[in-house]
Protein backbone atom coordinates (compact mmCIF):
# COMPACT_ATOMS: atom_id res chain seq x y z
CA MET A 1 -23.87 -4.48 -19.57
CA PHE A 2 -20.53 -3.85 -21.20
CA GLY A 3 -17.98 -1.19 -20.31
CA LYS A 4 -14.75 0.03 -21.85
CA LEU A 5 -11.26 0.35 -20.41
CA ILE A 6 -9.52 3.16 -22.30
CA LEU A 7 -5.79 3.77 -21.81
CA LYS A 8 -4.14 7.14 -22.32
CA ASP A 9 -2.32 5.80 -25.39
CA GLY A 10 -5.64 5.00 -27.05
CA THR A 11 -5.76 1.26 -26.35
CA THR A 12 -9.42 0.32 -25.81
CA LEU A 13 -10.73 -2.95 -24.38
CA THR A 14 -14.35 -3.94 -23.88
CA GLY A 15 -15.41 -6.02 -20.90
CA ASN A 16 -18.44 -7.38 -19.14
CA SER A 17 -19.47 -5.27 -16.14
CA PHE A 18 -19.90 -6.99 -12.78
CA GLY A 19 -19.58 -3.95 -10.51
CA TYR A 20 -21.13 -0.52 -10.18
CA GLU A 21 -21.72 1.14 -13.52
CA LYS A 22 -20.19 4.60 -13.37
CA ALA A 23 -17.28 6.18 -15.21
CA CYS A 24 -14.00 6.60 -13.36
CA SER A 25 -10.36 7.33 -14.15
CA GLY A 26 -6.99 6.93 -12.48
CA GLU A 27 -3.61 5.25 -12.80
CA LEU A 28 -3.73 1.75 -14.27
CA VAL A 29 -1.57 -0.71 -12.29
CA PHE A 30 -1.35 -4.48 -11.98
CA SER A 31 -0.87 -7.04 -9.22
CA THR A 32 0.40 -10.58 -9.75
CA GLY A 33 -0.88 -11.88 -6.41
CA MET A 34 -2.90 -15.11 -6.53
CA VAL A 35 -5.06 -14.48 -3.46
CA GLY A 36 -6.04 -11.71 -1.07
CA TYR A 37 -8.32 -9.49 -3.13
CA PRO A 38 -10.42 -8.35 -0.12
CA GLU A 39 -7.26 -7.15 1.65
CA SER A 40 -5.83 -5.60 -1.51
CA LEU A 41 -9.00 -3.73 -2.47
CA THR A 42 -9.20 -2.18 1.00
CA ASP A 43 -5.51 -1.20 1.12
CA PRO A 44 -5.43 2.64 1.16
CA SER A 45 -2.23 2.54 -0.90
CA TYR A 46 -4.44 1.78 -3.94
CA GLU A 47 -6.28 5.09 -3.67
CA GLY A 48 -6.80 6.62 -7.12
CA GLN A 49 -5.72 3.50 -9.01
CA ILE A 50 -7.47 1.13 -11.42
CA LEU A 51 -6.26 -2.32 -10.41
CA VAL A 52 -5.67 -5.17 -12.86
CA LEU A 53 -5.41 -8.64 -11.29
CA THR A 54 -3.39 -11.05 -13.42
CA TYR A 55 -4.50 -14.20 -11.61
CA PRO A 56 -7.34 -15.54 -13.80
CA ILE A 57 -9.95 -16.51 -11.20
CA VAL A 58 -11.29 -13.79 -8.90
CA GLY A 59 -14.35 -13.80 -6.63
CA ASN A 60 -14.40 -17.53 -5.90
CA TYR A 61 -14.23 -17.14 -2.12
CA GLY A 62 -16.44 -14.08 -1.80
CA VAL A 63 -15.97 -11.24 0.67
CA PRO A 64 -15.49 -11.67 4.44
CA GLU A 65 -16.96 -9.45 7.13
CA LYS A 66 -15.47 -5.99 7.68
CA LYS A 67 -13.18 -6.96 10.55
CA PHE A 68 -10.99 -8.84 8.06
CA TRP A 69 -10.56 -5.85 5.73
CA GLU A 70 -7.47 -3.63 5.78
CA SER A 71 -9.53 -0.42 6.07
CA THR A 72 -13.18 0.54 6.25
CA LYS A 73 -13.82 0.69 2.48
CA ILE A 74 -12.62 -0.21 -1.01
CA HIS A 75 -9.89 2.18 -2.18
CA VAL A 76 -9.32 1.13 -5.80
CA SER A 77 -11.11 3.29 -8.36
CA ALA A 78 -12.04 0.23 -10.45
CA LEU A 79 -11.19 -3.47 -10.66
CA ILE A 80 -10.23 -5.37 -13.82
CA VAL A 81 -10.21 -9.19 -13.78
CA SER A 82 -9.90 -11.99 -16.32
CA GLN A 83 -12.63 -14.27 -15.00
CA TYR A 84 -15.14 -13.26 -12.34
CA ILE A 85 -16.73 -16.06 -10.29
CA ASN A 86 -20.21 -15.16 -9.01
CA THR A 87 -20.72 -18.34 -6.97
CA PRO A 88 -18.36 -17.88 -3.99
CA SER A 89 -17.68 -20.73 -1.61
CA HIS A 90 -15.98 -19.98 1.72
CA PHE A 91 -17.10 -20.26 5.33
CA GLN A 92 -16.22 -16.58 5.97
CA SER A 93 -17.98 -15.20 2.89
CA GLN A 94 -20.67 -12.63 3.64
CA MET A 95 -21.39 -11.47 0.08
CA SER A 96 -20.16 -11.85 -3.47
CA LEU A 97 -17.46 -9.60 -4.90
CA ALA A 98 -20.01 -8.14 -7.35
CA GLN A 99 -22.38 -7.28 -4.50
CA TRP A 100 -19.54 -5.60 -2.62
CA LEU A 101 -18.42 -3.51 -5.60
CA LYS A 102 -21.98 -2.37 -6.28
CA LYS A 103 -22.55 -1.55 -2.62
CA GLU A 104 -19.40 0.61 -2.54
CA LYS A 105 -20.04 2.05 -6.03
CA VAL A 106 -16.83 0.71 -7.56
CA PRO A 107 -16.80 -0.44 -11.22
CA GLY A 108 -15.60 -3.92 -12.14
CA LEU A 109 -14.87 -5.22 -15.63
CA GLU A 110 -14.20 -8.75 -16.84
CA ILE A 111 -11.54 -8.49 -19.59
CA ALA A 112 -10.17 -11.84 -20.73
CA ASP A 113 -6.50 -11.05 -21.27
CA THR A 114 -5.33 -9.27 -18.12
CA ARG A 115 -1.86 -10.73 -18.61
CA MET A 116 -1.58 -8.79 -21.86
CA LEU A 117 -2.44 -5.65 -19.91
CA ALA A 118 0.20 -6.47 -17.31
CA GLU A 119 2.82 -7.05 -20.00
CA LYS A 120 1.91 -3.76 -21.64
CA LEU A 121 2.28 -1.86 -18.36
CA ARG A 122 5.51 -3.73 -17.58
CA ASP A 123 7.02 -2.92 -20.97
CA GLU A 124 5.68 0.62 -21.47
CA GLY A 125 5.20 1.71 -17.85
CA ALA A 126 2.14 2.52 -15.77
CA GLN A 127 -0.22 4.94 -17.48
CA LEU A 128 -3.48 6.73 -16.96
CA ALA A 129 -6.71 5.01 -17.90
CA LYS A 130 -10.47 5.28 -17.49
CA VAL A 131 -13.48 3.00 -17.31
CA VAL A 132 -16.50 4.32 -19.20
CA PHE A 133 -20.02 3.09 -19.85
CA ASN A 134 -22.32 5.59 -21.52
CA LYS A 135 -20.70 8.91 -20.67
CA ASP A 136 -17.04 9.70 -21.32
CA ILE A 137 -14.81 11.51 -18.79
CA GLU A 138 -11.35 13.07 -18.70
CA PHE A 139 -8.21 11.23 -17.64
CA TYR A 140 -7.11 11.86 -14.04
CA ASP A 141 -3.59 11.61 -12.60
CA PRO A 142 -3.87 10.78 -8.88
CA ASN A 143 -0.14 11.33 -8.31
CA LYS A 144 -0.66 15.08 -8.71
CA ASP A 145 -2.85 15.13 -5.59
CA ASN A 146 -2.02 14.64 -1.93
CA LEU A 147 -3.59 11.20 -1.61
CA VAL A 148 -2.22 10.75 1.91
CA ASP A 149 -4.40 13.62 3.09
CA GLN A 150 -7.42 11.90 1.52
CA VAL A 151 -6.97 8.55 3.27
CA SER A 152 -5.44 9.46 6.65
CA ASP A 153 -7.88 9.17 9.56
CA ARG A 154 -8.36 12.57 11.21
CA ARG A 155 -8.94 11.07 14.65
CA VAL A 156 -6.33 10.39 17.35
CA LYS A 157 -6.85 6.88 18.67
CA ILE A 158 -5.25 5.21 21.70
CA GLN A 159 -5.15 1.41 21.94
CA GLY A 160 -3.33 -1.15 24.08
CA THR A 161 -2.07 -1.12 27.65
CA GLY A 162 1.63 -1.89 27.31
CA SER A 163 4.34 -0.05 29.22
CA LYS A 164 5.93 1.35 26.05
CA THR A 165 4.20 3.98 23.91
CA ILE A 166 4.48 3.88 20.12
CA VAL A 167 3.10 6.66 17.94
CA LEU A 168 1.81 5.45 14.58
CA ILE A 169 1.63 8.18 11.91
CA ASP A 170 -1.29 7.23 9.69
CA CYS A 171 -0.51 7.95 6.04
CA GLY A 172 -3.08 5.38 4.95
CA VAL A 173 -2.30 2.63 7.41
CA LYS A 174 -3.37 -0.98 6.92
CA LYS A 175 -5.16 -2.47 9.90
CA ASN A 176 -2.74 -5.37 10.18
CA ILE A 177 0.10 -2.98 10.99
CA LYS A 178 -1.90 -1.95 14.05
CA ARG A 179 -2.71 -5.58 14.89
CA SER A 180 0.94 -6.58 14.55
CA LEU A 181 2.08 -3.83 16.91
CA LEU A 182 -0.68 -4.37 19.49
CA HIS A 183 0.06 -8.11 19.48
CA ARG A 184 3.49 -7.18 20.87
CA ASN A 185 2.03 -5.61 24.02
CA ILE A 186 2.58 -1.91 23.42
CA ARG A 187 0.46 1.18 23.92
CA LEU A 188 -0.36 2.52 20.47
CA ILE A 189 -1.34 6.10 19.64
CA THR A 190 -2.44 6.53 16.01
CA VAL A 191 -2.37 10.10 14.69
CA PRO A 192 -3.12 11.79 11.32
CA TRP A 193 -0.34 12.31 8.77
CA ASP A 194 -0.03 16.04 9.57
CA TYR A 195 -0.39 15.83 13.36
CA ASP A 196 2.15 17.42 15.70
CA ILE A 197 3.13 14.35 17.71
CA PHE A 198 5.14 16.49 20.13
CA SER A 199 1.94 18.13 21.32
CA LEU A 200 0.98 14.81 22.92
CA LYS A 201 1.27 14.75 26.70
CA GLU A 202 3.06 11.43 26.43
CA LYS A 203 6.54 10.02 26.56
CA ILE A 204 7.12 8.69 23.04
CA ASN A 205 9.24 5.54 23.03
CA GLY A 206 9.13 5.01 19.29
CA VAL A 207 7.42 6.08 16.05
CA VAL A 208 6.10 4.06 13.11
CA VAL A 209 5.37 5.79 9.78
CA SER A 210 2.82 3.77 7.85
CA ASN A 211 2.20 2.83 4.26
CA GLY A 212 0.10 5.08 2.06
CA PRO A 213 -0.71 6.11 -1.51
CA GLY A 214 0.90 8.36 -4.08
CA ASP A 215 4.05 10.44 -4.29
CA PRO A 216 5.86 10.58 -0.91
CA LYS A 217 6.96 14.16 -1.57
CA MET A 218 3.30 15.20 -1.20
CA ALA A 219 3.42 14.20 2.48
CA ASP A 220 5.42 17.31 3.36
CA LYS A 221 4.14 17.66 6.92
CA THR A 222 5.00 14.05 7.74
CA ILE A 223 8.48 14.61 6.34
CA GLU A 224 8.93 17.63 8.61
CA THR A 225 7.74 15.62 11.61
CA VAL A 226 10.22 12.83 10.83
CA LYS A 227 13.05 15.37 10.62
CA LYS A 228 12.25 16.37 14.23
CA ILE A 229 12.07 12.71 15.26
CA LEU A 230 15.54 12.10 13.87
CA THR A 231 16.90 15.19 15.65
CA LYS A 232 15.49 13.89 18.94
CA LYS A 233 16.96 10.42 18.26
CA ILE A 234 13.60 8.71 18.80
CA PRO A 235 13.54 5.15 17.40
CA ILE A 236 11.62 5.05 14.12
CA LEU A 237 10.33 2.41 11.72
CA GLY A 238 9.01 3.28 8.26
CA ILE A 239 6.85 0.87 6.27
CA CYS A 240 6.36 1.18 2.49
CA LEU A 241 5.61 4.91 2.00
CA GLY A 242 7.26 5.32 5.41
CA ASN A 243 10.51 4.03 3.88
CA GLN A 244 10.41 6.80 1.30
CA ILE A 245 9.43 9.45 3.87
CA LEU A 246 12.31 8.48 6.17
CA ALA A 247 14.74 8.72 3.24
CA LEU A 248 13.42 12.16 2.24
CA ALA A 249 13.50 13.46 5.82
CA ALA A 250 17.12 12.33 6.24
CA GLY A 251 18.30 13.98 3.02
CA GLY A 252 17.76 11.21 0.48
CA ASP A 253 15.59 11.21 -2.61
CA THR A 254 12.82 9.17 -4.25
CA TYR A 255 11.62 8.52 -7.79
CA LYS A 256 8.68 6.93 -9.60
CA LEU A 257 9.12 3.33 -10.69
CA LYS A 258 8.29 2.34 -14.26
CA PHE A 259 5.40 0.09 -13.22
CA GLY A 260 5.77 -0.44 -9.47
CA HIS A 261 5.76 -3.56 -7.30
CA ARG A 262 2.35 -5.01 -6.43
CA SER A 263 2.03 -8.64 -5.37
CA GLN A 264 2.65 -11.11 -2.58
CA ASN A 265 5.67 -12.74 -4.23
CA GLN A 266 8.39 -10.07 -4.36
CA PRO A 267 11.85 -11.47 -3.44
CA CYS A 268 14.00 -9.23 -1.21
CA LEU A 269 17.62 -9.84 -0.34
CA LEU A 270 18.97 -8.97 3.09
CA VAL A 271 22.10 -6.95 2.25
CA GLY A 272 25.31 -8.60 3.40
CA SER A 273 23.81 -12.08 3.41
CA SER A 274 22.47 -14.69 1.00
CA ARG A 275 19.07 -14.62 2.72
CA CYS A 276 16.07 -13.94 0.47
CA TYR A 277 12.60 -13.16 1.84
CA ILE A 278 9.35 -13.40 -0.14
CA THR A 279 7.36 -10.25 0.60
CA THR A 280 4.08 -8.46 0.05
CA GLN A 281 4.40 -5.13 -1.75
CA ASN A 282 2.25 -2.30 -3.10
CA HIS A 283 4.09 0.82 -4.22
CA GLY A 284 4.84 2.91 -7.29
CA PHE A 285 7.75 4.96 -5.88
CA ALA A 286 11.14 3.95 -4.47
CA VAL A 287 14.20 5.35 -2.70
CA GLY A 288 16.77 6.43 -5.28
CA LYS A 289 19.33 8.16 -3.06
CA ILE A 290 20.16 6.69 0.35
CA PRO A 291 20.75 9.48 2.88
CA LYS A 292 24.06 10.04 4.62
CA GLY A 293 24.54 7.88 7.69
CA PHE A 294 22.20 5.18 6.35
CA LYS A 295 22.94 2.04 4.38
CA ALA A 296 20.86 -0.27 2.23
CA TRP A 297 19.13 -2.90 4.38
CA PHE A 298 17.25 -4.84 1.69
CA VAL A 299 17.24 -4.83 -2.11
CA ASN A 300 14.76 -6.29 -4.57
CA ALA A 301 16.13 -9.46 -6.18
CA ASN A 302 14.20 -8.82 -9.40
CA ASP A 303 15.33 -5.29 -10.29
CA ASN A 304 17.84 -4.37 -7.55
CA THR A 305 15.74 -1.41 -6.34
CA ASN A 306 15.97 -0.36 -2.70
CA GLU A 307 13.74 -2.26 -0.28
CA GLY A 308 14.88 -0.76 3.01
CA ILE A 309 17.41 1.45 4.78
CA ILE A 310 18.91 1.35 8.26
CA HIS A 311 21.05 3.87 10.11
CA GLU A 312 24.63 2.90 10.86
CA LYS A 313 24.48 4.25 14.42
CA TYR A 314 20.97 5.23 15.57
CA PRO A 315 17.73 3.17 15.82
CA PHE A 316 16.29 4.47 12.53
CA MET A 317 15.09 1.86 10.03
CA SER A 318 12.53 1.33 7.30
CA ILE A 319 11.43 -1.24 4.75
CA GLN A 320 9.69 -0.85 1.40
CA PHE A 321 7.74 -4.11 1.71
CA HIS A 322 4.96 -5.01 4.17
CA PRO A 323 6.12 -7.07 7.17
CA GLU A 324 2.50 -7.30 8.34
CA ALA A 325 1.59 -8.96 4.99
CA CYS A 326 -2.18 -9.46 4.85
CA PRO A 327 -2.35 -10.73 2.22
CA GLY A 328 0.84 -12.66 1.72
CA PRO A 329 3.76 -14.33 3.51
CA VAL A 330 4.68 -13.41 7.08
CA ASP A 331 8.39 -14.20 6.66
CA THR A 332 9.44 -10.66 7.64
CA GLU A 333 7.19 -10.11 10.65
CA TRP A 334 10.38 -10.17 12.72
CA ILE A 335 10.97 -6.58 11.57
CA PHE A 336 8.51 -5.43 14.24
CA ASP A 337 10.46 -7.31 16.92
CA LYS A 338 13.76 -5.86 15.76
CA PHE A 339 12.32 -2.35 15.92
CA LEU A 340 10.85 -2.86 19.38
CA THR A 341 14.15 -4.15 20.78
CA ASN A 342 15.41 -0.57 20.36
CA ILE A 343 12.68 0.80 22.61
């Protein structure tokens, strides 16, 4: 069966369906990563988005079992690829990508020129789009909703047996952030985005604010919590959306990028040095105004946008990229160690 990808500007492309056949709409974005589609599709930061993969071959190594995913389900609204491979070959593969999409009721279209789509979004900016089959639907802008509330786990979970207690505020956290922290022998308490962490009967040694989808200004309750954390001088690390939330809580500001950063090959410069790190990224917003008392920690080598802030005096820091990677390079995993040295 064939389906159509219709952009808000009227551009219409027809593609072969290899996923679940239902209409959906959202924000059309692209990723230039060459590998890691199981991790990317299950990244909660993609909630409400139709994802275009520019790498031409997708599906060739199938889908691994759930323990290797970054959350419990697929979060993209639909997947657009150039060439779908239905004969996966990998020792960890449990099913084909098509089987997975159909099982989770996510549409997938094979449209030959995904690089043209990426160039269009790069030149004109991200825009709304929809995938339709027989029945048409309205366009939907996910950035007008509180997506963090939709993806944050409502449960409080305690893991690990270390002597230091870290509270992880779940705004749509990737599992490898948890793995990376637990690997460093800490006691981890994961709480929902709007949870009052000071109601915990625990001594909090540090706080991590996770990645997540959408406009950071929608996460108002998390921002208020971070303001209290800063007042109490508790060490804090923000990751991706957490970078934007820390900036907002400290008096800075954020803005929407033209087309965002989504890939495993984003170069980031460590400010004050000539060191460049290759990073994994997935975000559509960025810090535009660095708050008082903070300084730029990293900047993007491609467009000079902010990639992290650090306080000049207190143990407050955040990065826009993903030090836990998954998928992607682990060059910046040391960020976790730097944060924990403040505990």
